[in-house]
Amino acid sequence: MTAFPTAGHLVSWARLCPRLDESAGKRRSTRTRPSAPWLKPVLVQAAWAATRKKDSYFHAQFMRLKSRRGPKKAILAVAASMLTAAYHMLRTGVEFEDMGSQYFTQQDKQRMAKRLVRRLHDLGVEVEIKQPAA
């Protein structure tokens, strides 16, 4: 893994990230480029299998992205996440630990609360947030 300084370099080399091609304010194609016939298809196939496991991080990531971007772009994002995880596992020797399906909902709760408080503040309403008693 020393050939790639970061996981992003590996994902880019595997052609799993969309191109960022813009000139004079015009966006050009963001399609992923063709890659080796053995790496990208295998990663995408593994990503499809990973998204079918309920209560997993990859399933939650796929469902979250599928609603906004569509299934094909979402599966490429999951494949890129899997390759990033593999890079870190091989680089550091740490085993994979699934963050679970609640990872995004946990993050979204905090973000949504901040966004709604900011929105109310912009509307001129003063709000005090209290955590519920356990």
N, C-alpha and C. Protein backbone atom coordinates (compact mmCIF):
# COMPACT_ATOMS: atom_id res chain seq x y z
N MET A 1 0.81 -1.20 0.00
CA MET A 1 0.00 0.00 0.00
C MET A 1 0.86 1.26 0.00
N THR A 2 2.16 1.12 0.05
CA THR A 2 3.02 2.30 0.06
C THR A 2 3.04 3.01 -1.30
N ALA A 3 2.55 2.34 -2.34
CA ALA A 3 2.50 2.98 -3.66
C ALA A 3 1.49 4.13 -3.69
N PHE A 4 0.53 4.09 -2.77
CA PHE A 4 -0.51 5.12 -2.72
C PHE A 4 -0.37 5.90 -1.42
N PRO A 5 -0.10 7.21 -1.49
CA PRO A 5 0.08 8.00 -0.26
C PRO A 5 -1.18 8.09 0.59
N THR A 6 -2.36 8.11 -0.06
CA THR A 6 -3.61 8.20 0.68
C THR A 6 -4.63 7.24 0.07
N ALA A 7 -5.71 7.03 0.80
CA ALA A 7 -6.78 6.18 0.28
C ALA A 7 -7.44 6.82 -0.94
N GLY A 8 -7.48 8.13 -0.97
CA GLY A 8 -8.05 8.83 -2.12
C GLY A 8 -7.29 8.56 -3.40
N HIS A 9 -5.96 8.43 -3.30
CA HIS A 9 -5.17 8.11 -4.48
C HIS A 9 -5.51 6.71 -5.00
N LEU A 10 -5.72 5.77 -4.08
CA LEU A 10 -6.08 4.42 -4.48
C LEU A 10 -7.46 4.39 -5.14
N VAL A 11 -8.42 5.10 -4.57
CA VAL A 11 -9.77 5.15 -5.13
C VAL A 11 -9.74 5.80 -6.51
N SER A 12 -8.93 6.82 -6.67
CA SER A 12 -8.81 7.48 -7.96
C SER A 12 -8.14 6.55 -8.98
N TRP A 13 -7.13 5.82 -8.55
CA TRP A 13 -6.45 4.89 -9.43
C TRP A 13 -7.39 3.78 -9.89
N ALA A 14 -8.27 3.34 -9.00
CA ALA A 14 -9.24 2.30 -9.32
C ALA A 14 -10.40 2.84 -10.16
N ARG A 15 -10.42 4.15 -10.38
CA ARG A 15 -11.44 4.83 -11.18
C ARG A 15 -12.82 4.68 -10.57
N LEU A 16 -12.91 4.80 -9.24
CA LEU A 16 -14.19 4.71 -8.55
C LEU A 16 -14.74 6.08 -8.15
N CYS A 17 -13.99 7.13 -8.43
CA CYS A 17 -14.48 8.46 -8.08
C CYS A 17 -14.87 9.20 -9.36
N PRO A 18 -15.92 10.01 -9.30
CA PRO A 18 -16.32 10.76 -10.49
C PRO A 18 -15.33 11.87 -10.80
N ARG A 19 -15.24 12.19 -12.07
CA ARG A 19 -14.33 13.26 -12.48
C ARG A 19 -14.88 14.61 -12.05
N LEU A 20 -14.00 15.51 -11.79
CA LEU A 20 -14.37 16.88 -11.49
C LEU A 20 -13.82 17.73 -12.62
N ASP A 21 -14.63 17.94 -13.64
CA ASP A 21 -14.17 18.61 -14.85
C ASP A 21 -15.05 19.83 -15.09
N GLU A 22 -14.50 20.99 -14.83
CA GLU A 22 -15.25 22.23 -15.00
C GLU A 22 -14.32 23.27 -15.59
N SER A 23 -14.83 24.01 -16.55
CA SER A 23 -14.04 25.05 -17.17
C SER A 23 -14.96 26.21 -17.53
N ALA A 24 -14.60 27.39 -17.12
CA ALA A 24 -15.35 28.61 -17.39
C ALA A 24 -16.79 28.50 -16.89
N GLY A 25 -16.96 27.84 -15.76
CA GLY A 25 -18.28 27.71 -15.17
C GLY A 25 -19.15 26.63 -15.79
N LYS A 26 -18.65 25.96 -16.82
CA LYS A 26 -19.41 24.88 -17.45
C LYS A 26 -18.93 23.54 -16.91
N ARG A 27 -19.89 22.73 -16.51
CA ARG A 27 -19.56 21.41 -16.02
C ARG A 27 -19.56 20.42 -17.17
N ARG A 28 -18.48 19.67 -17.25
CA ARG A 28 -18.41 18.62 -18.26
C ARG A 28 -18.80 17.31 -17.63
N SER A 29 -18.65 16.24 -18.36
CA SER A 29 -19.08 14.92 -17.90
C SER A 29 -18.40 14.54 -16.59
N THR A 30 -19.17 13.96 -15.69
CA THR A 30 -18.61 13.49 -14.42
C THR A 30 -18.63 11.97 -14.36
N ARG A 31 -18.82 11.33 -15.49
CA ARG A 31 -18.83 9.86 -15.52
C ARG A 31 -17.47 9.33 -15.09
N THR A 32 -17.51 8.17 -14.45
CA THR A 32 -16.25 7.55 -14.06
C THR A 32 -15.57 6.99 -15.31
N ARG A 33 -14.27 7.00 -15.29
CA ARG A 33 -13.52 6.53 -16.44
C ARG A 33 -13.43 5.01 -16.43
N PRO A 34 -13.20 4.40 -17.57
CA PRO A 34 -13.07 2.94 -17.61
C PRO A 34 -11.85 2.51 -16.80
N SER A 35 -11.94 1.34 -16.20
CA SER A 35 -10.84 0.88 -15.36
C SER A 35 -10.43 -0.53 -15.77
N ALA A 36 -9.58 -1.10 -14.98
CA ALA A 36 -9.14 -2.47 -15.21
C ALA A 36 -10.36 -3.40 -15.16
N PRO A 37 -10.42 -4.37 -16.05
CA PRO A 37 -11.61 -5.22 -16.10
C PRO A 37 -11.75 -6.17 -14.92
N TRP A 38 -10.79 -6.20 -14.03
CA TRP A 38 -10.86 -7.13 -12.91
C TRP A 38 -11.12 -6.45 -11.59
N LEU A 39 -10.81 -5.18 -11.44
CA LEU A 39 -10.92 -4.53 -10.13
C LEU A 39 -12.29 -3.89 -9.91
N LYS A 40 -12.67 -2.97 -10.77
CA LYS A 40 -13.90 -2.22 -10.56
C LYS A 40 -15.14 -3.11 -10.56
N PRO A 41 -15.30 -4.03 -11.50
CA PRO A 41 -16.49 -4.89 -11.46
C PRO A 41 -16.57 -5.76 -10.21
N VAL A 42 -15.43 -6.25 -9.75
CA VAL A 42 -15.42 -7.08 -8.54
C VAL A 42 -15.79 -6.24 -7.32
N LEU A 43 -15.29 -5.03 -7.24
CA LEU A 43 -15.64 -4.15 -6.12
C LEU A 43 -17.12 -3.78 -6.15
N VAL A 44 -17.66 -3.53 -7.32
CA VAL A 44 -19.08 -3.19 -7.43
C VAL A 44 -19.94 -4.40 -7.06
N GLN A 45 -19.53 -5.58 -7.50
CA GLN A 45 -20.28 -6.79 -7.15
C GLN A 45 -20.23 -7.03 -5.64
N ALA A 46 -19.08 -6.81 -5.03
CA ALA A 46 -18.97 -6.95 -3.57
C ALA A 46 -19.80 -5.89 -2.86
N ALA A 47 -19.88 -4.70 -3.44
CA ALA A 47 -20.67 -3.64 -2.84
C ALA A 47 -22.16 -3.99 -2.88
N TRP A 48 -22.62 -4.59 -3.99
CA TRP A 48 -24.02 -5.01 -4.05
C TRP A 48 -24.31 -6.03 -2.96
N ALA A 49 -23.38 -6.95 -2.75
CA ALA A 49 -23.58 -7.96 -1.70
C ALA A 49 -23.57 -7.31 -0.32
N ALA A 50 -22.70 -6.34 -0.11
CA ALA A 50 -22.60 -5.68 1.20
C ALA A 50 -23.85 -4.86 1.50
N THR A 51 -24.49 -4.32 0.49
CA THR A 51 -25.67 -3.49 0.74
C THR A 51 -26.89 -4.33 1.08
N ARG A 52 -26.83 -5.61 0.81
CA ARG A 52 -27.96 -6.48 1.13
C ARG A 52 -27.95 -6.95 2.58
N LYS A 53 -26.89 -6.70 3.30
CA LYS A 53 -26.82 -7.08 4.71
C LYS A 53 -27.47 -5.96 5.53
N LYS A 54 -28.58 -6.29 6.15
CA LYS A 54 -29.31 -5.30 6.94
C LYS A 54 -28.49 -4.90 8.16
N ASP A 55 -28.77 -3.74 8.68
CA ASP A 55 -28.10 -3.21 9.88
C ASP A 55 -26.59 -3.10 9.71
N SER A 56 -26.15 -2.72 8.52
CA SER A 56 -24.72 -2.49 8.31
C SER A 56 -24.51 -1.06 7.81
N TYR A 57 -23.30 -0.60 7.95
CA TYR A 57 -22.94 0.75 7.52
C TYR A 57 -23.12 0.90 6.01
N PHE A 58 -22.70 -0.12 5.25
CA PHE A 58 -22.78 -0.03 3.80
C PHE A 58 -24.22 0.00 3.31
N HIS A 59 -25.11 -0.75 3.97
CA HIS A 59 -26.53 -0.72 3.62
C HIS A 59 -27.11 0.67 3.89
N ALA A 60 -26.76 1.23 5.04
CA ALA A 60 -27.27 2.56 5.39
C ALA A 60 -26.73 3.62 4.42
N GLN A 61 -25.46 3.50 4.05
CA GLN A 61 -24.87 4.46 3.11
C GLN A 61 -25.56 4.35 1.76
N PHE A 62 -25.78 3.12 1.30
CA PHE A 62 -26.44 2.92 0.00
C PHE A 62 -27.85 3.50 -0.01
N MET A 63 -28.63 3.20 1.02
CA MET A 63 -30.00 3.69 1.07
C MET A 63 -30.06 5.21 1.13
N ARG A 64 -29.12 5.79 1.85
CA ARG A 64 -29.07 7.25 1.98
C ARG A 64 -28.75 7.92 0.66
N LEU A 65 -27.79 7.36 -0.07
CA LEU A 65 -27.37 7.95 -1.34
C LEU A 65 -28.31 7.60 -2.48
N LYS A 66 -28.92 6.43 -2.44
CA LYS A 66 -29.80 5.98 -3.52
C LYS A 66 -30.98 6.92 -3.70
N SER A 67 -31.50 7.43 -2.60
CA SER A 67 -32.66 8.31 -2.71
C SER A 67 -32.32 9.64 -3.39
N ARG A 68 -31.08 10.07 -3.26
CA ARG A 68 -30.69 11.36 -3.85
C ARG A 68 -30.02 11.22 -5.21
N ARG A 69 -29.15 10.22 -5.36
CA ARG A 69 -28.31 10.14 -6.56
C ARG A 69 -28.69 9.01 -7.51
N GLY A 70 -29.44 8.02 -7.01
CA GLY A 70 -29.76 6.87 -7.84
C GLY A 70 -28.90 5.68 -7.43
N PRO A 71 -29.35 4.47 -7.80
CA PRO A 71 -28.66 3.28 -7.33
C PRO A 71 -27.26 3.07 -7.90
N LYS A 72 -27.03 3.46 -9.15
CA LYS A 72 -25.73 3.22 -9.76
C LYS A 72 -24.64 4.10 -9.15
N LYS A 73 -24.94 5.35 -8.91
CA LYS A 73 -23.95 6.23 -8.27
C LYS A 73 -23.76 5.85 -6.82
N ALA A 74 -24.83 5.41 -6.18
CA ALA A 74 -24.73 5.01 -4.78
C ALA A 74 -23.87 3.77 -4.63
N ILE A 75 -23.99 2.83 -5.55
CA ILE A 75 -23.20 1.60 -5.42
C ILE A 75 -21.73 1.88 -5.68
N LEU A 76 -21.42 2.84 -6.54
CA LEU A 76 -20.02 3.21 -6.74
C LEU A 76 -19.45 3.86 -5.49
N ALA A 77 -20.27 4.63 -4.79
CA ALA A 77 -19.81 5.24 -3.54
C ALA A 77 -19.55 4.18 -2.48
N VAL A 78 -20.40 3.16 -2.42
CA VAL A 78 -20.20 2.07 -1.47
C VAL A 78 -18.94 1.29 -1.82
N ALA A 79 -18.71 1.04 -3.12
CA ALA A 79 -17.50 0.35 -3.55
C ALA A 79 -16.26 1.16 -3.19
N ALA A 80 -16.33 2.48 -3.35
CA ALA A 80 -15.21 3.33 -2.97
C ALA A 80 -14.97 3.28 -1.46
N SER A 81 -16.04 3.24 -0.68
CA SER A 81 -15.89 3.14 0.77
C SER A 81 -15.27 1.82 1.17
N MET A 82 -15.65 0.75 0.48
CA MET A 82 -15.08 -0.56 0.77
C MET A 82 -13.59 -0.59 0.43
N LEU A 83 -13.21 0.02 -0.69
CA LEU A 83 -11.80 0.07 -1.07
C LEU A 83 -11.00 0.92 -0.09
N THR A 84 -11.61 2.01 0.38
CA THR A 84 -10.95 2.85 1.38
C THR A 84 -10.73 2.07 2.67
N ALA A 85 -11.73 1.30 3.09
CA ALA A 85 -11.60 0.48 4.29
C ALA A 85 -10.50 -0.56 4.11
N ALA A 86 -10.46 -1.19 2.94
CA ALA A 86 -9.42 -2.19 2.66
C ALA A 86 -8.03 -1.55 2.69
N TYR A 87 -7.92 -0.34 2.15
CA TYR A 87 -6.64 0.37 2.18
C TYR A 87 -6.16 0.57 3.62
N HIS A 88 -7.06 1.04 4.47
CA HIS A 88 -6.67 1.30 5.86
C HIS A 88 -6.39 0.01 6.62
N MET A 89 -7.12 -1.05 6.31
CA MET A 89 -6.87 -2.34 6.97
C MET A 89 -5.49 -2.88 6.59
N LEU A 90 -5.15 -2.79 5.30
CA LEU A 90 -3.85 -3.28 4.85
C LEU A 90 -2.71 -2.38 5.32
N ARG A 91 -2.97 -1.10 5.38
CA ARG A 91 -1.92 -0.14 5.76
C ARG A 91 -1.59 -0.22 7.25
N THR A 92 -2.63 -0.33 8.09
CA THR A 92 -2.41 -0.29 9.53
C THR A 92 -2.49 -1.65 10.21
N GLY A 93 -3.08 -2.66 9.52
CA GLY A 93 -3.21 -3.98 10.12
C GLY A 93 -4.36 -4.10 11.09
N VAL A 94 -5.29 -3.15 11.07
CA VAL A 94 -6.44 -3.17 11.98
C VAL A 94 -7.59 -3.90 11.29
N GLU A 95 -8.35 -4.69 12.05
CA GLU A 95 -9.49 -5.39 11.48
C GLU A 95 -10.64 -4.41 11.21
N PHE A 96 -11.50 -4.80 10.25
CA PHE A 96 -12.64 -3.97 9.90
C PHE A 96 -13.68 -4.04 11.01
N GLU A 97 -14.20 -2.88 11.37
CA GLU A 97 -15.26 -2.81 12.37
C GLU A 97 -16.42 -2.01 11.78
N ASP A 98 -17.55 -2.67 11.61
CA ASP A 98 -18.72 -2.03 11.01
C ASP A 98 -19.30 -1.00 11.99
N MET A 99 -19.53 0.21 11.50
CA MET A 99 -20.05 1.27 12.36
C MET A 99 -21.55 1.14 12.60
N GLY A 100 -22.21 0.27 11.85
CA GLY A 100 -23.63 0.02 12.06
C GLY A 100 -24.53 0.94 11.26
N SER A 101 -25.77 0.55 11.18
CA SER A 101 -26.73 1.31 10.38
C SER A 101 -27.15 2.61 11.06
N GLN A 102 -26.91 2.74 12.34
CA GLN A 102 -27.31 3.95 13.07
C GLN A 102 -26.31 5.08 12.94
N TYR A 103 -25.20 4.85 12.26
CA TYR A 103 -24.14 5.85 12.15
C TYR A 103 -24.65 7.14 11.51
N PHE A 104 -25.36 7.03 10.39
CA PHE A 104 -25.83 8.22 9.69
C PHE A 104 -26.98 8.89 10.42
N THR A 105 -27.87 8.10 11.02
CA THR A 105 -28.99 8.71 11.74
C THR A 105 -28.49 9.45 12.97
N GLN A 106 -27.45 8.95 13.60
CA GLN A 106 -26.85 9.63 14.75
C GLN A 106 -26.27 10.97 14.31
N GLN A 107 -25.54 10.95 13.21
CA GLN A 107 -24.96 12.19 12.69
C GLN A 107 -26.06 13.15 12.26
N ASP A 108 -27.08 12.62 11.58
CA ASP A 108 -28.14 13.47 11.05
C ASP A 108 -28.94 14.15 12.15
N LYS A 109 -29.12 13.49 13.29
CA LYS A 109 -29.86 14.11 14.40
C LYS A 109 -29.15 15.37 14.87
N GLN A 110 -27.85 15.27 15.07
CA GLN A 110 -27.09 16.42 15.55
C GLN A 110 -27.09 17.54 14.51
N ARG A 111 -26.87 17.19 13.26
CA ARG A 111 -26.86 18.19 12.19
C ARG A 111 -28.23 18.86 12.04
N MET A 112 -29.28 18.04 12.10
CA MET A 112 -30.62 18.59 11.93
C MET A 112 -30.96 19.53 13.08
N ALA A 113 -30.59 19.15 14.30
CA ALA A 113 -30.87 20.02 15.44
C ALA A 113 -30.16 21.36 15.29
N LYS A 114 -28.89 21.33 14.90
CA LYS A 114 -28.14 22.58 14.71
C LYS A 114 -28.77 23.42 13.61
N ARG A 115 -29.13 22.77 12.51
CA ARG A 115 -29.71 23.49 11.38
C ARG A 115 -31.05 24.12 11.74
N LEU A 116 -31.88 23.39 12.48
CA LEU A 116 -33.19 23.92 12.85
C LEU A 116 -33.08 25.05 13.87
N VAL A 117 -32.14 24.94 14.80
CA VAL A 117 -31.93 26.02 15.77
C VAL A 117 -31.44 27.27 15.05
N ARG A 118 -30.53 27.09 14.10
CA ARG A 118 -30.01 28.22 13.33
C ARG A 118 -31.14 28.86 12.52
N ARG A 119 -31.99 28.02 11.96
CA ARG A 119 -33.12 28.53 11.16
C ARG A 119 -34.09 29.33 12.03
N LEU A 120 -34.40 28.81 13.23
CA LEU A 120 -35.29 29.54 14.14
C LEU A 120 -34.65 30.85 14.58
N HIS A 121 -33.34 30.83 14.81
CA HIS A 121 -32.64 32.04 15.22
C HIS A 121 -32.72 33.09 14.10
N ASP A 122 -32.59 32.63 12.84
CA ASP A 122 -32.71 33.55 11.70
C ASP A 122 -34.11 34.13 11.58
N LEU A 123 -35.11 33.38 12.03
CA LEU A 123 -36.48 33.86 12.00
C LEU A 123 -36.81 34.76 13.19
N GLY A 124 -35.87 34.92 14.11
CA GLY A 124 -36.07 35.81 15.24
C GLY A 124 -36.64 35.12 16.47
N VAL A 125 -36.53 33.83 16.55
CA VAL A 125 -37.05 33.08 17.69
C VAL A 125 -35.86 32.60 18.52
N GLU A 126 -35.90 32.86 19.80
CA GLU A 126 -34.84 32.40 20.70
C GLU A 126 -35.22 31.03 21.25
N VAL A 127 -34.34 30.05 21.12
CA VAL A 127 -34.63 28.68 21.51
C VAL A 127 -33.55 28.20 22.47
N GLU A 128 -33.98 27.46 23.49
CA GLU A 128 -33.04 26.83 24.42
C GLU A 128 -33.22 25.31 24.29
N ILE A 129 -32.13 24.59 24.06
CA ILE A 129 -32.20 23.15 23.88
C ILE A 129 -31.84 22.45 25.17
N LYS A 130 -32.69 21.51 25.55
CA LYS A 130 -32.43 20.69 26.73
C LYS A 130 -32.52 19.23 26.34
N GLN A 131 -31.61 18.43 26.86
CA GLN A 131 -31.66 17.00 26.63
C GLN A 131 -32.73 16.38 27.49
N PRO A 132 -33.47 15.39 26.99
CA PRO A 132 -34.52 14.76 27.80
C PRO A 132 -33.91 14.03 29.00
N ALA A 133 -34.66 14.03 30.10
CA ALA A 133 -34.18 13.33 31.30
C ALA A 133 -34.28 11.83 31.07
N ALA A 134 -33.24 11.12 31.47
CA ALA A 134 -33.21 9.67 31.23
C ALA A 134 -33.99 8.89 32.23
